C-alpha atoms as a PDB file:
ATOM      1  CA  MET A   1       1.772 -23.611   5.942  1.00  0.00           C
ATOM      2  CA  GLY A   2       4.531 -25.974   6.061  1.00  0.00           C
ATOM      3  CA  ALA A   3       8.128 -25.734   6.945  1.00  0.00           C
ATOM      4  CA  ASN A   4       9.246 -25.515   3.071  1.00  0.00           C
ATOM      5  CA  GLU A   5       6.502 -22.278   2.689  1.00  0.00           C
ATOM      6  CA  GLU A   6       8.214 -20.614   5.700  1.00  0.00           C
ATOM      7  CA  PRO A   7      11.153 -19.142   4.172  1.00  0.00           C
ATOM      8  CA  ALA A   8       9.285 -17.705   1.067  1.00  0.00           C
ATOM      9  CA  ALA A   9       6.414 -16.616   3.741  1.00  0.00           C
ATOM     10  CA  ILE A  10       9.776 -14.500   4.740  1.00  0.00           C
ATOM     11  CA  ARG A  11      10.993 -13.672   1.372  1.00  0.00           C
ATOM     12  CA  LEU A  12       7.533 -12.206   0.481  1.00  0.00           C
ATOM     13  CA  GLY A  13       6.587 -10.521   3.488  1.00  0.00           C
ATOM     14  CA  THR A  14      10.230  -8.895   3.118  1.00  0.00           C
ATOM     15  CA  VAL A  15       9.178  -8.124  -0.561  1.00  0.00           C
ATOM     16  CA  VAL A  16       6.132  -6.496   0.534  1.00  0.00           C
ATOM     17  CA  GLU A  17       7.781  -4.425   3.035  1.00  0.00           C
ATOM     18  CA  MET A  18      10.587  -3.238   0.124  1.00  0.00           C
ATOM     19  CA  ILE A  19       7.676  -2.372  -2.311  1.00  0.00           C
ATOM     20  CA  HIS A  20       6.045  -0.043   1.239  1.00  0.00           C
ATOM     21  CA  THR A  21       9.238   1.639   1.622  1.00  0.00           C
ATOM     22  CA  ALA A  22       9.888   1.918  -2.302  1.00  0.00           C
ATOM     23  CA  THR A  23       5.850   3.770  -2.221  1.00  0.00           C
ATOM     24  CA  LEU A  24       6.885   6.064   1.140  1.00  0.00           C
ATOM     25  CA  VAL A  25      10.361   7.058  -0.317  1.00  0.00           C
ATOM     26  CA  HIS A  26       8.657   8.111  -3.408  1.00  0.00           C
ATOM     27  CA  ASP A  27       5.329   9.911  -1.456  1.00  0.00           C
ATOM     28  CA  ASP A  28       7.570  11.785   0.645  1.00  0.00           C
ATOM     29  CA  VAL A  29       9.390  13.461  -2.637  1.00  0.00           C
ATOM     30  CA  ILE A  30       5.995  13.827  -3.938  1.00  0.00           C
ATOM     31  CA  ASP A  31       4.664  15.206  -1.245  1.00  0.00           C
ATOM     32  CA  LYS A  32       8.138  17.332  -0.652  1.00  0.00           C
ATOM     33  CA  ALA A  33       8.131  15.895   3.523  1.00  0.00           C
ATOM     34  CA  GLU A  34      10.413  16.942   5.535  1.00  0.00           C
ATOM     35  CA  THR A  35      10.170  14.047   8.287  1.00  0.00           C
ATOM     36  CA  ARG A  36       8.488  10.802   8.019  1.00  0.00           C
ATOM     37  CA  ARG A  37       8.131   9.436  11.612  1.00  0.00           C
ATOM     38  CA  GLY A  38      10.003  11.997  13.220  1.00  0.00           C
ATOM     39  CA  GLN A  39      13.246  11.519  11.276  1.00  0.00           C
ATOM     40  CA  PRO A  40      14.466  13.758   8.653  1.00  0.00           C
ATOM     41  CA  SER A  41      13.276  12.293   5.333  1.00  0.00           C
ATOM     42  CA  ILE A  42      15.456  10.166   2.774  1.00  0.00           C
ATOM     43  CA  ASN A  43      14.063  12.999   0.196  1.00  0.00           C
ATOM     44  CA  SER A  44      15.312  16.183   3.172  1.00  0.00           C
ATOM     45  CA  ARG A  45      18.701  14.271   3.230  1.00  0.00           C
ATOM     46  CA  TRP A  46      19.864  13.150  -0.058  1.00  0.00           C
ATOM     47  CA  GLY A  47      17.564  15.147  -2.209  1.00  0.00           C
ATOM     48  CA  ASN A  48      14.820  14.495  -4.980  1.00  0.00           C
ATOM     49  CA  HIS A  49      17.220  12.159  -7.534  1.00  0.00           C
ATOM     50  CA  MET A  50      18.517  10.340  -5.215  1.00  0.00           C
ATOM     51  CA  SER A  51      15.194   9.337  -3.492  1.00  0.00           C
ATOM     52  CA  VAL A  52      13.542   8.858  -6.592  1.00  0.00           C
ATOM     53  CA  LEU A  53      16.267   6.040  -7.575  1.00  0.00           C
ATOM     54  CA  ALA A  54      16.626   4.773  -4.426  1.00  0.00           C
ATOM     55  CA  GLY A  55      12.723   3.722  -4.287  1.00  0.00           C
ATOM     56  CA  ASP A  56      13.014   2.702  -8.013  1.00  0.00           C
ATOM     57  CA  TRP A  57      16.130   0.330  -6.311  1.00  0.00           C
ATOM     58  CA  LEU A  58      13.567  -0.651  -3.658  1.00  0.00           C
ATOM     59  CA  TYR A  59      11.552  -1.691  -6.260  1.00  0.00           C
ATOM     60  CA  MET A  60      13.674  -3.629  -8.792  1.00  0.00           C
ATOM     61  CA  GLN A  61      15.258  -5.790  -5.740  1.00  0.00           C
ATOM     62  CA  ALA A  62      11.673  -6.688  -4.640  1.00  0.00           C
ATOM     63  CA  PHE A  63      10.659  -8.100  -7.601  1.00  0.00           C
ATOM     64  CA  SER A  64      14.182  -9.696  -7.822  1.00  0.00           C
ATOM     65  CA  ILE A  65      13.328 -11.515  -5.147  1.00  0.00           C
ATOM     66  CA  ALA A  66       9.856 -12.532  -5.473  1.00  0.00           C
ATOM     67  CA  LEU A  67      11.033 -13.562  -9.314  1.00  0.00           C
ATOM     68  CA  ALA A  68      13.415 -16.222  -7.517  1.00  0.00           C
ATOM     69  CA  GLU A  69       9.964 -17.722  -5.896  1.00  0.00           C
ATOM     70  CA  ARG A  70       9.104 -18.855  -9.975  1.00  0.00           C
ATOM     71  CA  ASN A  71       5.317 -18.118  -9.461  1.00  0.00           C
ATOM     72  CA  PHE A  72       3.341 -16.350 -11.836  1.00  0.00           C
ATOM     73  CA  LYS A  73       0.235 -15.964  -9.322  1.00  0.00           C
ATOM     74  CA  ILE A  74       2.993 -14.074  -6.715  1.00  0.00           C
ATOM     75  CA  LEU A  75       4.026 -12.053 -10.128  1.00  0.00           C
ATOM     76  CA  ASP A  76       0.588 -11.187 -10.803  1.00  0.00           C
ATOM     77  CA  LEU A  77      -0.568 -10.021  -7.360  1.00  0.00           C
ATOM     78  CA  LEU A  78       2.690  -7.665  -6.945  1.00  0.00           C
ATOM     79  CA  ILE A  79       2.449  -6.226 -10.655  1.00  0.00           C
ATOM     80  CA  GLY A  80      -1.260  -5.563  -9.602  1.00  0.00           C
ATOM     81  CA  LEU A  81      -0.547  -4.051  -6.177  1.00  0.00           C
ATOM     82  CA  THR A  82       2.057  -1.757  -7.523  1.00  0.00           C
ATOM     83  CA  GLN A  83      -0.175  -0.541 -10.515  1.00  0.00           C
ATOM     84  CA  VAL A  84      -3.149   0.192  -8.181  1.00  0.00           C
ATOM     85  CA  MET A  85      -0.675   2.006  -5.636  1.00  0.00           C
ATOM     86  CA  VAL A  86       0.923   4.315  -8.256  1.00  0.00           C
ATOM     87  CA  GLU A  87      -2.678   4.696  -9.562  1.00  0.00           C
ATOM     88  CA  GLY A  88      -3.659   6.223  -6.510  1.00  0.00           C
ATOM     89  CA  GLU A  89      -1.080   8.700  -6.040  1.00  0.00           C
ATOM     90  CA  LEU A  90      -1.792   9.794  -9.655  1.00  0.00           C
ATOM     91  CA  LEU A  91      -5.896   9.998  -8.536  1.00  0.00           C
ATOM     92  CA  GLN A  92      -4.738  11.904  -5.111  1.00  0.00           C
ATOM     93  CA  MET A  93      -2.800  14.370  -6.734  1.00  0.00           C
ATOM     94  CA  GLU A  94      -5.923  14.941  -9.653  1.00  0.00           C
ATOM     95  CA  LYS A  95      -8.102  15.243  -6.368  1.00  0.00           C
ATOM     96  CA  LEU A  96      -5.433  17.479  -4.372  1.00  0.00           C
ATOM     97  CA  GLY A  97      -7.724  20.391  -2.790  1.00  0.00           C
ATOM     98  CA  ARG A  98     -11.026  19.059  -3.853  1.00  0.00           C
ATOM     99  CA  LEU A  99     -13.685  17.531  -1.120  1.00  0.00           C
ATOM    100  CA  LEU A 100     -14.085  13.705  -2.500  1.00  0.00           C
ATOM    101  CA  SER A 101     -17.183  11.962  -2.014  1.00  0.00           C
ATOM    102  CA  ARG A 102     -17.440   8.968   0.375  1.00  0.00           C
ATOM    103  CA  GLU A 103     -16.711   6.727  -2.877  1.00  0.00           C
ATOM    104  CA  GLU A 104     -13.809   8.688  -3.732  1.00  0.00           C
ATOM    105  CA  HIS A 105     -12.125   8.679  -0.647  1.00  0.00           C
ATOM    106  CA  LEU A 106     -12.771   5.508   0.311  1.00  0.00           C
ATOM    107  CA  ASP A 107     -11.047   4.022  -3.636  1.00  0.00           C
ATOM    108  CA  LEU A 108      -8.151   6.374  -2.448  1.00  0.00           C
ATOM    109  CA  ILE A 109      -7.619   4.370   0.942  1.00  0.00           C
ATOM    110  CA  TYR A 110      -7.925   1.472  -0.900  1.00  0.00           C
ATOM    111  CA  ARG A 111      -5.341   2.596  -3.322  1.00  0.00           C
ATOM    112  CA  LYS A 112      -2.465   3.897  -0.869  1.00  0.00           C
ATOM    113  CA  THR A 113      -2.989   1.153   2.137  1.00  0.00           C
ATOM    114  CA  ALA A 114      -6.104  -1.201   2.119  1.00  0.00           C
ATOM    115  CA  CYS A 115      -4.941  -2.506  -1.508  1.00  0.00           C
ATOM    116  CA  LEU A 116      -1.178  -3.572   0.616  1.00  0.00           C
ATOM    117  CA  PHE A 117      -2.915  -5.509   3.349  1.00  0.00           C
ATOM    118  CA  GLU A 118      -5.151  -7.295   1.106  1.00  0.00           C
ATOM    119  CA  VAL A 119      -2.254  -8.622  -1.268  1.00  0.00           C
ATOM    120  CA  SER A 120      -0.423  -9.724   1.907  1.00  0.00           C
ATOM    121  CA  MET A 121      -2.973 -11.682   2.608  1.00  0.00           C
ATOM    122  CA  ARG A 122      -3.297 -12.948  -0.677  1.00  0.00           C
ATOM    123  CA  LEU A 123       0.557 -13.980  -1.159  1.00  0.00           C
ATOM    124  CA  GLY A 124      -0.062 -15.992   2.134  1.00  0.00           C
ATOM    125  CA  ALA A 125      -2.751 -17.590   0.457  1.00  0.00           C
ATOM    126  CA  VAL A 126      -0.946 -19.001  -2.500  1.00  0.00           C
ATOM    127  CA  LEU A 127       1.960 -20.022  -0.601  1.00  0.00           C
ATOM    128  CA  ALA A 128      -0.744 -22.165   1.215  1.00  0.00           C
ATOM    129  CA  GLY A 129      -1.866 -23.624  -2.198  1.00  0.00           C
ATOM    130  CA  ALA A 130      -4.995 -21.667  -2.222  1.00  0.00           C
ATOM    131  CA  ASN A 131      -5.856 -21.874  -6.058  1.00  0.00           C
ATOM    132  CA  HIS A 132      -8.440 -19.330  -6.922  1.00  0.00           C
ATOM    133  CA  VAL A 133      -6.299 -15.957  -5.846  1.00  0.00           C
ATOM    134  CA  ARG A 134      -6.818 -13.432  -8.454  1.00  0.00           C
ATOM    135  CA  GLY A 135      -4.409 -10.717  -9.243  1.00  0.00           C
ATOM    136  CA  GLY A 136      -3.937  -7.008  -7.909  1.00  0.00           C
ATOM    137  CA  ALA A 137      -5.879  -5.700 -10.756  1.00  0.00           C
ATOM    138  CA  PRO A 138      -9.084  -8.074 -10.838  1.00  0.00           C
ATOM    139  CA  ALA A 139      -8.999  -7.558  -6.830  1.00  0.00           C
ATOM    140  CA  HIS A 140      -9.036  -3.961  -7.183  1.00  0.00           C
ATOM    141  CA  ARG A 141     -12.274  -4.363  -9.583  1.00  0.00           C
ATOM    142  CA  GLN A 142     -13.567  -6.484  -6.809  1.00  0.00           C
ATOM    143  CA  ALA A 143     -12.862  -3.671  -4.225  1.00  0.00           C
ATOM    144  CA  GLU A 144     -14.791  -1.826  -6.723  1.00  0.00           C
ATOM    145  CA  ARG A 145     -17.719  -3.968  -5.902  1.00  0.00           C
ATOM    146  CA  VAL A 146     -17.356  -4.027  -2.491  1.00  0.00           C
ATOM    147  CA  HIS A 147     -17.529  -0.360  -2.078  1.00  0.00           C
ATOM    148  CA  GLN A 148     -21.033   0.134  -4.045  1.00  0.00           C
ATOM    149  CA  ASN A 149     -22.015  -2.897  -1.886  1.00  0.00           C
ATOM    150  CA  GLY A 150     -21.322  -1.675   1.323  1.00  0.00           C
ATOM    151  CA  PHE A 151     -19.249  -4.930   2.280  1.00  0.00           C
ATOM    152  CA  ALA A 152     -21.870  -6.749   1.840  1.00  0.00           C
ATOM    153  CA  ARG A 153     -20.388  -9.415  -0.985  1.00  0.00           C
ATOM    154  CA  ALA A 154     -17.172  -8.987  -0.307  1.00  0.00           C
ATOM    155  CA  GLY A 155     -16.054 -13.063  -0.050  1.00  0.00           C
ATOM    156  CA  PHE A 156     -12.343 -13.466   0.159  1.00  0.00           C
ATOM    157  CA  ALA A 157     -11.142  -9.898   0.542  1.00  0.00           C
ATOM    158  CA  ARG A 158     -13.755  -8.625   2.624  1.00  0.00           C
ATOM    159  CA  LYS A 159     -11.589  -8.938   5.827  1.00  0.00           C
ATOM    160  CA  GLN A 160      -8.299  -7.939   4.093  1.00  0.00           C
ATOM    161  CA  ILE A 161      -9.700  -4.612   2.430  1.00  0.00           C
ATOM    162  CA  GLN A 162     -11.518  -3.815   5.715  1.00  0.00           C
ATOM    163  CA  SER A 163      -8.683  -4.146   7.619  1.00  0.00           C
ATOM    164  CA  GLY A 164      -6.400  -2.069   5.546  1.00  0.00           C
ATOM    165  CA  LEU A 165      -9.142   0.715   5.125  1.00  0.00           C
ATOM    166  CA  LYS A 166      -9.325   0.971   8.941  1.00  0.00           C
ATOM    167  CA  PHE A 167      -5.081   1.110   9.016  1.00  0.00           C
ATOM    168  CA  GLN A 168      -5.781   4.286   7.037  1.00  0.00           C
ATOM    169  CA  ARG A 169      -8.436   5.719   8.966  1.00  0.00           C
ATOM    170  CA  GLN A 170      -6.603   5.353  11.991  1.00  0.00           C
ATOM    171  CA  LEU A 171      -3.722   7.197  10.035  1.00  0.00           C
ATOM    172  CA  VAL A 172      -5.986   9.601   9.133  1.00  0.00           C
ATOM    173  CA  ASN A 173      -7.498  10.188  12.681  1.00  0.00           C
ATOM    174  CA  ASP A 174      -3.884  10.338  14.209  1.00  0.00           C
ATOM    175  CA  ARG A 175      -2.946  13.179  11.826  1.00  0.00           C
ATOM    176  CA  VAL A 176      -6.169  15.003  12.384  1.00  0.00           C
ATOM    177  CA  ILE A 177      -5.477  15.018  16.293  1.00  0.00           C
ATOM    178  CA  LEU A 178      -1.968  16.019  15.455  1.00  0.00           C
ATOM    179  CA  ASN A 179      -3.101  19.078  13.209  1.00  0.00           C
ATOM    180  CA  GLU A 180      -5.323  20.216  15.901  1.00  0.00           C
ATOM    181  CA  ASP A 181      -2.398  19.598  18.651  1.00  0.00           C
ATOM    182  CA  PHE A 182      -0.514  21.844  16.479  1.00  0.00           C
ATOM    183  CA  ALA A 183      -2.879  24.503  15.805  1.00  0.00           C
ATOM    184  CA  GLU A 184      -3.851  24.385  19.310  1.00  0.00           C
ATOM    185  CA  HIS A 185      -0.283  24.068  20.703  1.00  0.00           C
ATOM    186  CA  GLY A 186       1.703  25.629  17.809  1.00  0.00           C
ATOM    187  CA  ARG A 187       3.839  22.508  17.916  1.00  0.00           C
ATOM    188  CA  LYS A 188       4.093  19.213  16.511  1.00  0.00           C
ATOM    189  CA  VAL A 189       3.816  16.260  18.777  1.00  0.00           C
END
């Protein structure tokens, strides 16, 4: 990536972080979370109405920054990402309390976290001039194929999706450890 792409990469990195933060704010409202990373959550401080609006504002600001790039490939990726992540939250709510199959679990992990990693890397590829970078929705269909084929024929998306899946699995493992510690010692770590 040359010097001309560096400011754009920084802006798009900011966009991805803003989208990620917006999803966390909305997730805390949905989950009625009291804390986020050991600190009071936004919804516990300012209520659900203000938190939803703050999350929406972050989305709008992120897309406003992305729009300034004047690149439809970038917007396609970000719109697809947002769609897949919202669908993931809706699916999670639908499946709450059910034992999930491996495929359902991988699909939720993809939609809630791995797609963020994937799109982040695809945005870098767009800035570097890659010609064949697909948008978020086609990438999700590709990810479904990846899940079905055990990551055998993933091509470009394999590493991005695997990174996101590993990250999400580590979060799940950490949460299990924390919950076990809470059950054993009666306190949160």
